[in-house]
Full PDB file with SEQRES, HELIX, SHEET, SSBOND, CRYST1, ORIGX, SCALE, CONECT and MASTER records, all heavy atoms in Angstrom:
SEQRES   1 A   40  GLU ASP VAL SER GLN LEU ASN THR LEU ILE ASN SER ALA          
SEQRES   2 A   40  TYR ARG GLY GLU SER SER LYS LYS GLY TRP THR THR GLU          
SEQRES   3 A   40  ALA ASN ILE LEU GLU GLY LEU ARG THR THR GLU ASP GLU          
SEQRES   4 A   40  LEU                                                          
HELIX    1 AA1 VAL A    3  TYR A   14  1                                  12    
HELIX    2 AA2 GLY A   16  SER A   19  1                                   4    
CRYST1    1.000    1.000    1.000  90.00  90.00  90.00 P 1           1          
ORIGX1      1.000000  0.000000  0.000000        0.00000                         
ORIGX2      0.000000  1.000000  0.000000        0.00000                         
ORIGX3      0.000000  0.000000  1.000000        0.00000                         
SCALE1      1.000000  0.000000  0.000000        0.00000                         
SCALE2      0.000000  1.000000  0.000000        0.00000                         
SCALE3      0.000000  0.000000  1.000000        0.00000                         
ATOM      1  N   GLU A   1     137.259 117.381 125.274  1.00  0.00           N  
ATOM      2  CA  GLU A   1     137.489 116.361 126.376  1.00  0.00           C  
ATOM      3  C   GLU A   1     136.211 115.472 126.315  1.00  0.00           C  
ATOM      4  O   GLU A   1     136.270 114.314 126.913  1.00  0.00           O  
ATOM      5  CB  GLU A   1     137.652 116.970 127.657  1.00  0.00           C  
ATOM      6  CG  GLU A   1     139.024 117.686 127.811  1.00  0.00           C  
ATOM      7  CD  GLU A   1     139.187 118.986 127.133  1.00  0.00           C  
ATOM      8  OE1 GLU A   1     138.188 119.792 127.094  1.00  0.00           O  
ATOM      9  OE2 GLU A   1     140.205 119.234 126.553  1.00  0.00           O  
ATOM     10  N   ASP A   2     135.079 115.858 125.786  1.00  0.00           N  
ATOM     11  CA  ASP A   2     133.868 115.100 125.761  1.00  0.00           C  
ATOM     12  C   ASP A   2     133.704 114.120 124.524  1.00  0.00           C  
ATOM     13  O   ASP A   2     132.757 113.332 124.571  1.00  0.00           O  
ATOM     14  CB  ASP A   2     132.648 116.030 125.859  1.00  0.00           C  
ATOM     15  CG  ASP A   2     132.639 116.933 127.074  1.00  0.00           C  
ATOM     16  OD1 ASP A   2     132.863 116.434 128.111  1.00  0.00           O  
ATOM     17  OD2 ASP A   2     132.458 118.188 126.924  1.00  0.00           O  
ATOM     18  N   VAL A   3     134.526 114.216 123.628  1.00  0.00           N  
ATOM     19  CA  VAL A   3     134.369 113.565 122.385  1.00  0.00           C  
ATOM     20  C   VAL A   3     134.158 112.031 122.537  1.00  0.00           C  
ATOM     21  O   VAL A   3     133.262 111.437 121.920  1.00  0.00           O  
ATOM     22  CB  VAL A   3     135.505 113.861 121.453  1.00  0.00           C  
ATOM     23  CG1 VAL A   3     135.519 112.847 120.248  1.00  0.00           C  
ATOM     24  CG2 VAL A   3     135.401 115.246 120.907  1.00  0.00           C  
ATOM     25  N   SER A   4     135.007 111.392 123.344  1.00  0.00           N  
ATOM     26  CA  SER A   4     134.913 109.891 123.458  1.00  0.00           C  
ATOM     27  C   SER A   4     133.557 109.568 124.114  1.00  0.00           C  
ATOM     28  O   SER A   4     132.877 108.635 123.583  1.00  0.00           O  
ATOM     29  CB  SER A   4     136.058 109.469 124.312  1.00  0.00           C  
ATOM     30  OG  SER A   4     136.011 108.004 124.477  1.00  0.00           O  
ATOM     31  N   GLN A   5     133.137 110.224 125.217  1.00  0.00           N  
ATOM     32  CA  GLN A   5     131.890 109.964 125.856  1.00  0.00           C  
ATOM     33  C   GLN A   5     130.757 110.365 124.944  1.00  0.00           C  
ATOM     34  O   GLN A   5     129.777 109.546 124.905  1.00  0.00           O  
ATOM     35  CB  GLN A   5     131.791 110.788 127.123  1.00  0.00           C  
ATOM     36  CG  GLN A   5     131.012 110.062 128.186  1.00  0.00           C  
ATOM     37  CD  GLN A   5     130.937 110.880 129.484  1.00  0.00           C  
ATOM     38  OE1 GLN A   5     129.848 110.964 130.016  1.00  0.00           O  
ATOM     39  NE2 GLN A   5     132.051 111.409 129.985  1.00  0.00           N  
ATOM     40  N   LEU A   6     130.710 111.369 124.166  1.00  0.00           N  
ATOM     41  CA  LEU A   6     129.749 111.695 123.180  1.00  0.00           C  
ATOM     42  C   LEU A   6     129.554 110.568 122.190  1.00  0.00           C  
ATOM     43  O   LEU A   6     128.494 110.158 121.776  1.00  0.00           O  
ATOM     44  CB  LEU A   6     130.003 113.057 122.490  1.00  0.00           C  
ATOM     45  CG  LEU A   6     129.756 114.284 123.371  1.00  0.00           C  
ATOM     46  CD1 LEU A   6     130.321 115.468 122.668  1.00  0.00           C  
ATOM     47  CD2 LEU A   6     128.304 114.504 123.608  1.00  0.00           C  
ATOM     48  N   ASN A   7     130.728 110.159 121.569  1.00  0.00           N  
ATOM     49  CA  ASN A   7     130.698 109.171 120.585  1.00  0.00           C  
ATOM     50  C   ASN A   7     129.989 107.854 121.060  1.00  0.00           C  
ATOM     51  O   ASN A   7     129.157 107.334 120.343  1.00  0.00           O  
ATOM     52  CB  ASN A   7     132.139 108.879 120.120  1.00  0.00           C  
ATOM     53  CG  ASN A   7     132.139 108.022 118.964  1.00  0.00           C  
ATOM     54  OD1 ASN A   7     131.507 108.247 117.876  1.00  0.00           O  
ATOM     55  ND2 ASN A   7     133.006 106.868 119.015  1.00  0.00           N  
ATOM     56  N   THR A   8     130.408 107.417 122.213  1.00  0.00           N  
ATOM     57  CA  THR A   8     129.778 106.221 122.842  1.00  0.00           C  
ATOM     58  C   THR A   8     128.238 106.378 123.028  1.00  0.00           C  
ATOM     59  O   THR A   8     127.489 105.554 122.584  1.00  0.00           O  
ATOM     60  CB  THR A   8     130.405 105.968 124.196  1.00  0.00           C  
ATOM     61  OG1 THR A   8     131.818 105.748 124.021  1.00  0.00           O  
ATOM     62  CG2 THR A   8     129.799 104.739 124.837  1.00  0.00           C  
ATOM     63  N   LEU A   9     127.867 107.510 123.613  1.00  0.00           N  
ATOM     64  CA  LEU A   9     126.533 107.847 123.823  1.00  0.00           C  
ATOM     65  C   LEU A   9     125.632 107.875 122.476  1.00  0.00           C  
ATOM     66  O   LEU A   9     124.678 107.183 122.294  1.00  0.00           O  
ATOM     67  CB  LEU A   9     126.245 109.149 124.482  1.00  0.00           C  
ATOM     68  CG  LEU A   9     124.797 109.659 124.560  1.00  0.00           C  
ATOM     69  CD1 LEU A   9     124.070 108.872 125.491  1.00  0.00           C  
ATOM     70  CD2 LEU A   9     124.820 111.169 124.933  1.00  0.00           C  
ATOM     71  N   ILE A  10     126.161 108.592 121.498  1.00  0.00           N  
ATOM     72  CA  ILE A  10     125.414 108.760 120.283  1.00  0.00           C  
ATOM     73  C   ILE A  10     125.320 107.426 119.443  1.00  0.00           C  
ATOM     74  O   ILE A  10     124.205 107.001 119.112  1.00  0.00           O  
ATOM     75  CB  ILE A  10     126.078 109.761 119.298  1.00  0.00           C  
ATOM     76  CG1 ILE A  10     125.886 111.198 120.025  1.00  0.00           C  
ATOM     77  CG2 ILE A  10     125.499 109.800 117.938  1.00  0.00           C  
ATOM     78  CD1 ILE A  10     126.883 112.296 119.471  1.00  0.00           C  
ATOM     79  N   ASN A  11     126.379 106.730 119.402  1.00  0.00           N  
ATOM     80  CA  ASN A  11     126.308 105.394 118.675  1.00  0.00           C  
ATOM     81  C   ASN A  11     125.402 104.320 119.443  1.00  0.00           C  
ATOM     82  O   ASN A  11     124.658 103.527 118.892  1.00  0.00           O  
ATOM     83  CB  ASN A  11     127.622 104.865 118.463  1.00  0.00           C  
ATOM     84  CG  ASN A  11     128.447 105.553 117.282  1.00  0.00           C  
ATOM     85  OD1 ASN A  11     127.722 105.638 116.175  1.00  0.00           O  
ATOM     86  ND2 ASN A  11     129.532 106.126 117.554  1.00  0.00           N  
ATOM     87  N   SER A  12     125.460 104.414 120.691  1.00  0.00           N  
ATOM     88  CA  SER A  12     124.596 103.457 121.563  1.00  0.00           C  
ATOM     89  C   SER A  12     123.124 103.868 121.454  1.00  0.00           C  
ATOM     90  O   SER A  12     122.307 102.984 121.582  1.00  0.00           O  
ATOM     91  CB  SER A  12     124.971 103.435 122.973  1.00  0.00           C  
ATOM     92  OG  SER A  12     124.584 104.765 123.683  1.00  0.00           O  
ATOM     93  N   ALA A  13     122.705 105.085 121.198  1.00  0.00           N  
ATOM     94  CA  ALA A  13     121.303 105.545 121.055  1.00  0.00           C  
ATOM     95  C   ALA A  13     120.769 105.213 119.701  1.00  0.00           C  
ATOM     96  O   ALA A  13     119.573 105.190 119.595  1.00  0.00           O  
ATOM     97  CB  ALA A  13     121.227 106.903 121.500  1.00  0.00           C  
ATOM     98  N   TYR A  14     121.643 105.298 118.712  1.00  0.00           N  
ATOM     99  CA  TYR A  14     121.102 105.144 117.333  1.00  0.00           C  
ATOM    100  C   TYR A  14     121.248 103.817 116.642  1.00  0.00           C  
ATOM    101  O   TYR A  14     120.368 103.495 115.827  1.00  0.00           O  
ATOM    102  CB  TYR A  14     121.821 106.212 116.429  1.00  0.00           C  
ATOM    103  CG  TYR A  14     121.371 107.637 116.527  1.00  0.00           C  
ATOM    104  CD1 TYR A  14     121.908 108.451 117.437  1.00  0.00           C  
ATOM    105  CD2 TYR A  14     120.346 108.049 115.696  1.00  0.00           C  
ATOM    106  CE1 TYR A  14     121.464 109.806 117.604  1.00  0.00           C  
ATOM    107  CE2 TYR A  14     119.849 109.363 115.829  1.00  0.00           C  
ATOM    108  CZ  TYR A  14     120.452 110.239 116.743  1.00  0.00           C  
ATOM    109  OH  TYR A  14     119.983 111.521 116.890  1.00  0.00           O  
ATOM    110  N   ARG A  15     122.260 103.131 116.946  1.00  0.00           N  
ATOM    111  CA  ARG A  15     122.566 101.906 116.189  1.00  0.00           C  
ATOM    112  C   ARG A  15     122.917 100.698 117.151  1.00  0.00           C  
ATOM    113  O   ARG A  15     123.267 100.870 118.356  1.00  0.00           O  
ATOM    114  CB  ARG A  15     123.778 102.002 115.292  1.00  0.00           C  
ATOM    115  CG  ARG A  15     123.679 103.218 114.438  1.00  0.00           C  
ATOM    116  CD  ARG A  15     122.818 103.025 113.211  1.00  0.00           C  
ATOM    117  NE  ARG A  15     122.469 104.320 112.481  1.00  0.00           N  
ATOM    118  CZ  ARG A  15     123.218 104.896 111.730  1.00  0.00           C  
ATOM    119  NH1 ARG A  15     124.417 104.570 111.420  1.00  0.00           N  
ATOM    120  NH2 ARG A  15     122.799 106.072 111.141  1.00  0.00           N  
ATOM    121  N   GLY A  16     122.762  99.496 116.696  1.00  0.00           N  
ATOM    122  CA  GLY A  16     123.107  98.282 117.481  1.00  0.00           C  
ATOM    123  C   GLY A  16     122.097  97.863 118.484  1.00  0.00           C  
ATOM    124  O   GLY A  16     121.035  98.610 118.608  1.00  0.00           O  
ATOM    125  N   GLU A  17     122.376  96.858 119.156  1.00  0.00           N  
ATOM    126  CA  GLU A  17     121.511  96.298 120.214  1.00  0.00           C  
ATOM    127  C   GLU A  17     121.136  97.167 121.349  1.00  0.00           C  
ATOM    128  O   GLU A  17     119.971  97.352 121.742  1.00  0.00           O  
ATOM    129  CB  GLU A  17     122.059  94.950 120.780  1.00  0.00           C  
ATOM    130  CG  GLU A  17     121.952  93.764 119.842  1.00  0.00           C  
ATOM    131  CD  GLU A  17     120.548  93.539 119.426  1.00  0.00           C  
ATOM    132  OE1 GLU A  17     119.557  93.432 120.274  1.00  0.00           O  
ATOM    133  OE2 GLU A  17     120.361  93.440 118.236  1.00  0.00           O  
ATOM    134  N   SER A  18     122.103  98.046 121.849  1.00  0.00           N  
ATOM    135  CA  SER A  18     121.812  98.961 122.993  1.00  0.00           C  
ATOM    136  C   SER A  18     120.776  99.905 122.581  1.00  0.00           C  
ATOM    137  O   SER A  18     119.973 100.336 123.414  1.00  0.00           O  
ATOM    138  CB  SER A  18     123.128  99.606 123.401  1.00  0.00           C  
ATOM    139  OG  SER A  18     123.647 100.384 122.303  1.00  0.00           O  
ATOM    140  N   SER A  19     120.714 100.418 121.326  1.00  0.00           N  
ATOM    141  CA  SER A  19     119.741 101.358 120.923  1.00  0.00           C  
ATOM    142  C   SER A  19     118.277 100.835 121.053  1.00  0.00           C  
ATOM    143  O   SER A  19     117.404 101.582 121.121  1.00  0.00           O  
ATOM    144  CB  SER A  19     120.130 101.909 119.535  1.00  0.00           C  
ATOM    145  OG  SER A  19     119.874 100.867 118.454  1.00  0.00           O  
ATOM    146  N   LYS A  20     118.119  99.561 120.938  1.00  0.00           N  
ATOM    147  CA  LYS A  20     116.720  99.016 120.919  1.00  0.00           C  
ATOM    148  C   LYS A  20     116.054  99.162 122.282  1.00  0.00           C  
ATOM    149  O   LYS A  20     114.863  98.910 122.350  1.00  0.00           O  
ATOM    150  CB  LYS A  20     116.896  97.496 120.466  1.00  0.00           C  
ATOM    151  CG  LYS A  20     117.293  97.383 119.004  1.00  0.00           C  
ATOM    152  CD  LYS A  20     117.386  96.055 118.569  1.00  0.00           C  
ATOM    153  CE  LYS A  20     117.924  95.951 117.116  1.00  0.00           C  
ATOM    154  NZ  LYS A  20     118.042  94.538 116.686  1.00  0.00           N  
ATOM    155  N   LYS A  21     116.825  99.615 123.279  1.00  0.00           N  
ATOM    156  CA  LYS A  21     116.254  99.801 124.671  1.00  0.00           C  
ATOM    157  C   LYS A  21     115.404 101.071 124.605  1.00  0.00           C  
ATOM    158  O   LYS A  21     114.568 101.316 125.448  1.00  0.00           O  
ATOM    159  CB  LYS A  21     117.355  99.935 125.725  1.00  0.00           C  
ATOM    160  CG  LYS A  21     118.128  98.617 125.990  1.00  0.00           C  
ATOM    161  CD  LYS A  21     119.211  98.914 126.928  1.00  0.00           C  
ATOM    162  CE  LYS A  21     120.109  97.537 127.061  1.00  0.00           C  
ATOM    163  NZ  LYS A  21     121.264  97.864 127.779  1.00  0.00           N  
ATOM    164  N   GLY A  22     115.720 102.020 123.634  1.00  0.00           N  
ATOM    165  CA  GLY A  22     114.939 103.231 123.529  1.00  0.00           C  
ATOM    166  C   GLY A  22     114.078 103.165 122.318  1.00  0.00           C  
ATOM    167  O   GLY A  22     114.158 102.311 121.454  1.00  0.00           O  
ATOM    168  N   TRP A  23     113.255 104.163 122.217  1.00  0.00           N  
ATOM    169  CA  TRP A  23     112.307 104.230 121.120  1.00  0.00           C  
ATOM    170  C   TRP A  23     112.827 104.961 119.946  1.00  0.00           C  
ATOM    171  O   TRP A  23     112.223 105.086 118.852  1.00  0.00           O  
ATOM    172  CB  TRP A  23     110.960 104.768 121.566  1.00  0.00           C  
ATOM    173  CG  TRP A  23     110.947 106.338 121.937  1.00  0.00           C  
ATOM    174  CD1 TRP A  23     111.219 106.727 123.235  1.00  0.00           C  
ATOM    175  CD2 TRP A  23     110.656 107.402 121.140  1.00  0.00           C  
ATOM    176  NE1 TRP A  23     111.177 108.146 123.167  1.00  0.00           N  
ATOM    177  CE2 TRP A  23     110.829 108.479 121.968  1.00  0.00           C  
ATOM    178  CE3 TRP A  23     110.272 107.599 119.841  1.00  0.00           C  
ATOM    179  CZ2 TRP A  23     110.619 109.733 121.481  1.00  0.00           C  
ATOM    180  CZ3 TRP A  23     110.146 108.797 119.307  1.00  0.00           C  
ATOM    181  CH2 TRP A  23     110.242 110.010 120.102  1.00  0.00           C  
ATOM    182  N   THR A  24     113.919 105.633 120.061  1.00  0.00           N  
ATOM    183  CA  THR A  24     114.566 106.438 118.831  1.00  0.00           C  
ATOM    184  C   THR A  24     115.521 105.706 118.027  1.00  0.00           C  
ATOM    185  O   THR A  24     116.283 106.289 117.243  1.00  0.00           O  
ATOM    186  CB  THR A  24     115.089 107.742 119.334  1.00  0.00           C  
ATOM    187  OG1 THR A  24     116.183 107.432 120.210  1.00  0.00           O  
ATOM    188  CG2 THR A  24     114.113 108.522 120.163  1.00  0.00           C  
ATOM    189  N   THR A  25     115.632 104.370 118.264  1.00  0.00           N  
ATOM    190  CA  THR A  25     116.635 103.592 117.454  1.00  0.00           C  
ATOM    191  C   THR A  25     116.501 103.716 115.930  1.00  0.00           C  
ATOM    192  O   THR A  25     115.395 103.885 115.376  1.00  0.00           O  
ATOM    193  CB  THR A  25     116.653 102.169 117.972  1.00  0.00           C  
ATOM    194  OG1 THR A  25     117.654 101.400 117.222  1.00  0.00           O  
ATOM    195  CG2 THR A  25     115.329 101.524 117.648  1.00  0.00           C  
ATOM    196  N   GLU A  26     117.671 103.645 115.289  1.00  0.00           N  
ATOM    197  CA  GLU A  26     117.698 103.474 113.856  1.00  0.00           C  
ATOM    198  C   GLU A  26     118.152 102.041 113.468  1.00  0.00           C  
ATOM    199  O   GLU A  26     118.416 101.721 112.213  1.00  0.00           O  
ATOM    200  CB  GLU A  26     118.638 104.485 113.155  1.00  0.00           C  
ATOM    201  CG  GLU A  26     118.242 105.951 113.369  1.00  0.00           C  
ATOM    202  CD  GLU A  26     119.225 106.835 112.750  1.00  0.00           C  
ATOM    203  OE1 GLU A  26     120.363 106.580 112.472  1.00  0.00           O  
ATOM    204  OE2 GLU A  26     118.899 108.012 112.598  1.00  0.00           O  
ATOM    205  N   ALA A  27     118.321 101.166 114.435  1.00  0.00           N  
ATOM    206  CA  ALA A  27     118.956  99.834 114.227  1.00  0.00           C  
ATOM    207  C   ALA A  27     118.114  99.013 113.252  1.00  0.00           C  
ATOM    208  O   ALA A  27     118.602  98.114 112.621  1.00  0.00           O  
ATOM    209  CB  ALA A  27     119.060  99.210 115.584  1.00  0.00           C  
ATOM    210  N   ASN A  28     116.800  99.308 113.115  1.00  0.00           N  
ATOM    211  CA  ASN A  28     115.999  98.519 112.151  1.00  0.00           C  
ATOM    212  C   ASN A  28     116.106  99.055 110.673  1.00  0.00           C  
ATOM    213  O   ASN A  28     115.587  98.407 109.860  1.00  0.00           O  
ATOM    214  CB  ASN A  28     114.585  98.508 112.582  1.00  0.00           C  
ATOM    215  CG  ASN A  28     114.006  99.853 112.789  1.00  0.00           C  
ATOM    216  OD1 ASN A  28     114.654 100.806 113.046  1.00  0.00           O  
ATOM    217  ND2 ASN A  28     112.664 100.001 112.616  1.00  0.00           N  
ATOM    218  N   ILE A  29     116.717 100.169 110.502  1.00  0.00           N  
ATOM    219  CA  ILE A  29     116.825 100.699 109.147  1.00  0.00           C  
ATOM    220  C   ILE A  29     118.224 100.954 108.642  1.00  0.00           C  
ATOM    221  O   ILE A  29     118.513 101.025 107.512  1.00  0.00           O  
ATOM    222  CB  ILE A  29     115.916 102.001 108.983  1.00  0.00           C  
ATOM    223  CG1 ILE A  29     116.403 103.070 109.989  1.00  0.00           C  
ATOM    224  CG2 ILE A  29     114.483 101.690 108.978  1.00  0.00           C  
ATOM    225  CD1 ILE A  29     115.692 104.409 109.772  1.00  0.00           C  
ATOM    226  N   LEU A  30     119.120 101.120 109.571  1.00  0.00           N  
ATOM    227  CA  LEU A  30     120.632 101.451 109.295  1.00  0.00           C  
ATOM    228  C   LEU A  30     121.461 100.557 110.078  1.00  0.00           C  
ATOM    229  O   LEU A  30     121.236 100.340 111.315  1.00  0.00           O  
ATOM    230  CB  LEU A  30     120.788 102.934 109.526  1.00  0.00           C  
ATOM    231  CG  LEU A  30     120.048 103.870 108.627  1.00  0.00           C  
ATOM    232  CD1 LEU A  30     120.211 105.258 109.204  1.00  0.00           C  
ATOM    233  CD2 LEU A  30     120.590 103.801 107.206  1.00  0.00           C  
ATOM    234  N   GLU A  31     122.658 100.288 109.517  1.00  0.00           N  
ATOM    235  CA  GLU A  31     123.688  99.760 110.357  1.00  0.00           C  
ATOM    236  C   GLU A  31     125.004 100.578 110.172  1.00  0.00           C  
ATOM    237  O   GLU A  31     124.952 101.553 109.359  1.00  0.00           O  
ATOM    238  CB  GLU A  31     124.006  98.263 110.086  1.00  0.00           C  
ATOM    239  CG  GLU A  31     124.338  97.980 108.710  1.00  0.00           C  
ATOM    240  CD  GLU A  31     124.379  96.398 108.513  1.00  0.00           C  
ATOM    241  OE1 GLU A  31     123.753  95.633 109.147  1.00  0.00           O  
ATOM    242  OE2 GLU A  31     125.157  95.930 107.608  1.00  0.00           O  
ATOM    243  N   GLY A  32     126.021 100.202 110.810  1.00  0.00           N  
ATOM    244  CA  GLY A  32     127.272 101.031 110.764  1.00  0.00           C  
ATOM    245  C   GLY A  32     127.224 101.951 111.895  1.00  0.00           C  
ATOM    246  O   GLY A  32     126.282 101.957 112.753  1.00  0.00           O  
ATOM    247  N   LEU A  33     128.195 102.870 112.031  1.00  0.00           N  
ATOM    248  CA  LEU A  33     128.199 103.943 113.017  1.00  0.00           C  
ATOM    249  C   LEU A  33     127.327 105.090 112.747  1.00  0.00           C  
ATOM    250  O   LEU A  33     127.174 105.483 111.539  1.00  0.00           O  
ATOM    251  CB  LEU A  33     129.608 104.339 113.209  1.00  0.00           C  
ATOM    252  CG  LEU A  33     130.576 103.294 113.723  1.00  0.00           C  
ATOM    253  CD1 LEU A  33     131.979 103.890 113.757  1.00  0.00           C  
ATOM    254  CD2 LEU A  33     130.148 102.773 115.097  1.00  0.00           C  
ATOM    255  N   ARG A  34     126.757 105.818 113.720  1.00  0.00           N  
ATOM    256  CA  ARG A  34     126.104 107.007 113.585  1.00  0.00           C  
ATOM    257  C   ARG A  34     127.110 108.235 113.423  1.00  0.00           C  
ATOM    258  O   ARG A  34     126.843 109.284 112.654  1.00  0.00           O  
ATOM    259  CB  ARG A  34     125.095 107.285 114.704  1.00  0.00           C  
ATOM    260  CG  ARG A  34     124.395 108.650 114.692  1.00  0.00           C  
ATOM    261  CD  ARG A  34     123.606 108.816 113.473  1.00  0.00           C  
ATOM    262  NE  ARG A  34     122.932 110.161 113.344  1.00  0.00           N  
ATOM    263  CZ  ARG A  34     123.490 111.291 112.977  1.00  0.00           C  
ATOM    264  NH1 ARG A  34     124.742 111.269 112.605  1.00  0.00           N  
ATOM    265  NH2 ARG A  34     122.814 112.402 112.975  1.00  0.00           N  
ATOM    266  N   THR A  35     128.127 108.067 114.047  1.00  0.00           N  
ATOM    267  CA  THR A  35     129.241 109.127 114.062  1.00  0.00           C  
ATOM    268  C   THR A  35     130.569 108.533 114.453  1.00  0.00           C  
ATOM    269  O   THR A  35     130.634 107.334 114.818  1.00  0.00           O  
ATOM    270  CB  THR A  35     128.857 110.305 114.922  1.00  0.00           C  
ATOM    271  OG1 THR A  35     129.821 111.451 114.687  1.00  0.00           O  
ATOM    272  CG2 THR A  35     128.896 109.984 116.396  1.00  0.00           C  
ATOM    273  N   THR A  36     131.690 109.305 114.463  1.00  0.00           N  
ATOM    274  CA  THR A  36     132.888 108.766 114.905  1.00  0.00           C  
ATOM    275  C   THR A  36     133.534 109.926 115.641  1.00  0.00           C  
ATOM    276  O   THR A  36     133.111 111.108 115.652  1.00  0.00           O  
ATOM    277  CB  THR A  36     133.864 108.587 113.589  1.00  0.00           C  
ATOM    278  OG1 THR A  36     134.096 109.892 113.017  1.00  0.00           O  
ATOM    279  CG2 THR A  36     133.320 107.597 112.686  1.00  0.00           C  
ATOM    280  N   GLU A  37     134.536 109.594 116.484  1.00  0.00           N  
ATOM    281  CA  GLU A  37     135.396 110.526 117.282  1.00  0.00           C  
ATOM    282  C   GLU A  37     135.940 111.687 116.356  1.00  0.00           C  
ATOM    283  O   GLU A  37     135.913 112.875 116.778  1.00  0.00           O  
ATOM    284  CB  GLU A  37     136.334 109.875 118.114  1.00  0.00           C  
ATOM    285  CG  GLU A  37     135.728 109.174 119.298  1.00  0.00           C  
ATOM    286  CD  GLU A  37     136.769 108.591 120.342  1.00  0.00           C  
ATOM    287  OE1 GLU A  37     137.906 109.243 120.332  1.00  0.00           O  
ATOM    288  OE2 GLU A  37     136.430 107.743 121.118  1.00  0.00           O  
ATOM    289  N   ASP A  38     136.475 111.343 115.269  1.00  0.00           N  
ATOM    290  CA  ASP A  38     137.047 112.308 114.350  1.00  0.00           C  
ATOM    291  C   ASP A  38     136.004 113.322 113.835  1.00  0.00           C  
ATOM    292  O   ASP A  38     136.240 114.463 113.876  1.00  0.00           O  
ATOM    293  CB  ASP A  38     137.656 111.606 113.132  1.00  0.00           C  
ATOM    294  CG  ASP A  38     138.993 110.981 113.423  1.00  0.00           C  
ATOM    295  OD1 ASP A  38     139.522 111.192 114.565  1.00  0.00           O  
ATOM    296  OD2 ASP A  38     139.538 110.143 112.626  1.00  0.00           O  
ATOM    297  N   GLU A  39     134.795 112.774 113.499  1.00  0.00           N  
ATOM    298  CA  GLU A  39     133.735 113.622 113.090  1.00  0.00           C  
ATOM    299  C   GLU A  39     133.267 114.553 114.175  1.00  0.00           C  
ATOM    300  O   GLU A  39     133.000 115.793 113.956  1.00  0.00           O  
ATOM    301  CB  GLU A  39     132.535 112.865 112.641  1.00  0.00           C  
ATOM    302  CG  GLU A  39     131.359 113.646 112.087  1.00  0.00           C  
ATOM    303  CD  GLU A  39     130.183 112.757 111.527  1.00  0.00           C  
ATOM    304  OE1 GLU A  39     129.631 112.007 112.324  1.00  0.00           O  
ATOM    305  OE2 GLU A  39     129.932 112.702 110.375  1.00  0.00           O  
ATOM    306  N   LEU A  40     133.180 114.021 115.376  1.00  0.00           N  
ATOM    307  CA  LEU A  40     132.741 114.864 116.484  1.00  0.00           C  
ATOM    308  C   LEU A  40     133.761 115.917 116.902  1.00  0.00           C  
ATOM    309  O   LEU A  40     133.461 117.067 117.156  1.00  0.00           O  
ATOM    310  CB  LEU A  40     132.424 113.968 117.771  1.00  0.00           C  
ATOM    311  CG  LEU A  40     131.193 113.228 117.582  1.00  0.00           C  
ATOM    312  CD1 LEU A  40     131.157 112.160 118.720  1.00  0.00           C  
ATOM    313  CD2 LEU A  40     129.886 114.073 117.741  1.00  0.00           C  
TER     314      LEU A  40                                                      
MASTER        0    0    0    2    0    0    0    6  313    1    0    4          
END                                                                             
């Protein structure tokens, strides 16, 4: 039941503009998704 919320959280923290609000972003070295709902 948590998969959708986890997917949103993980991708927002690692990639894309939203991730740049935190210090752990990978947006400067990688693009694409960090994970998918299927993978989770």
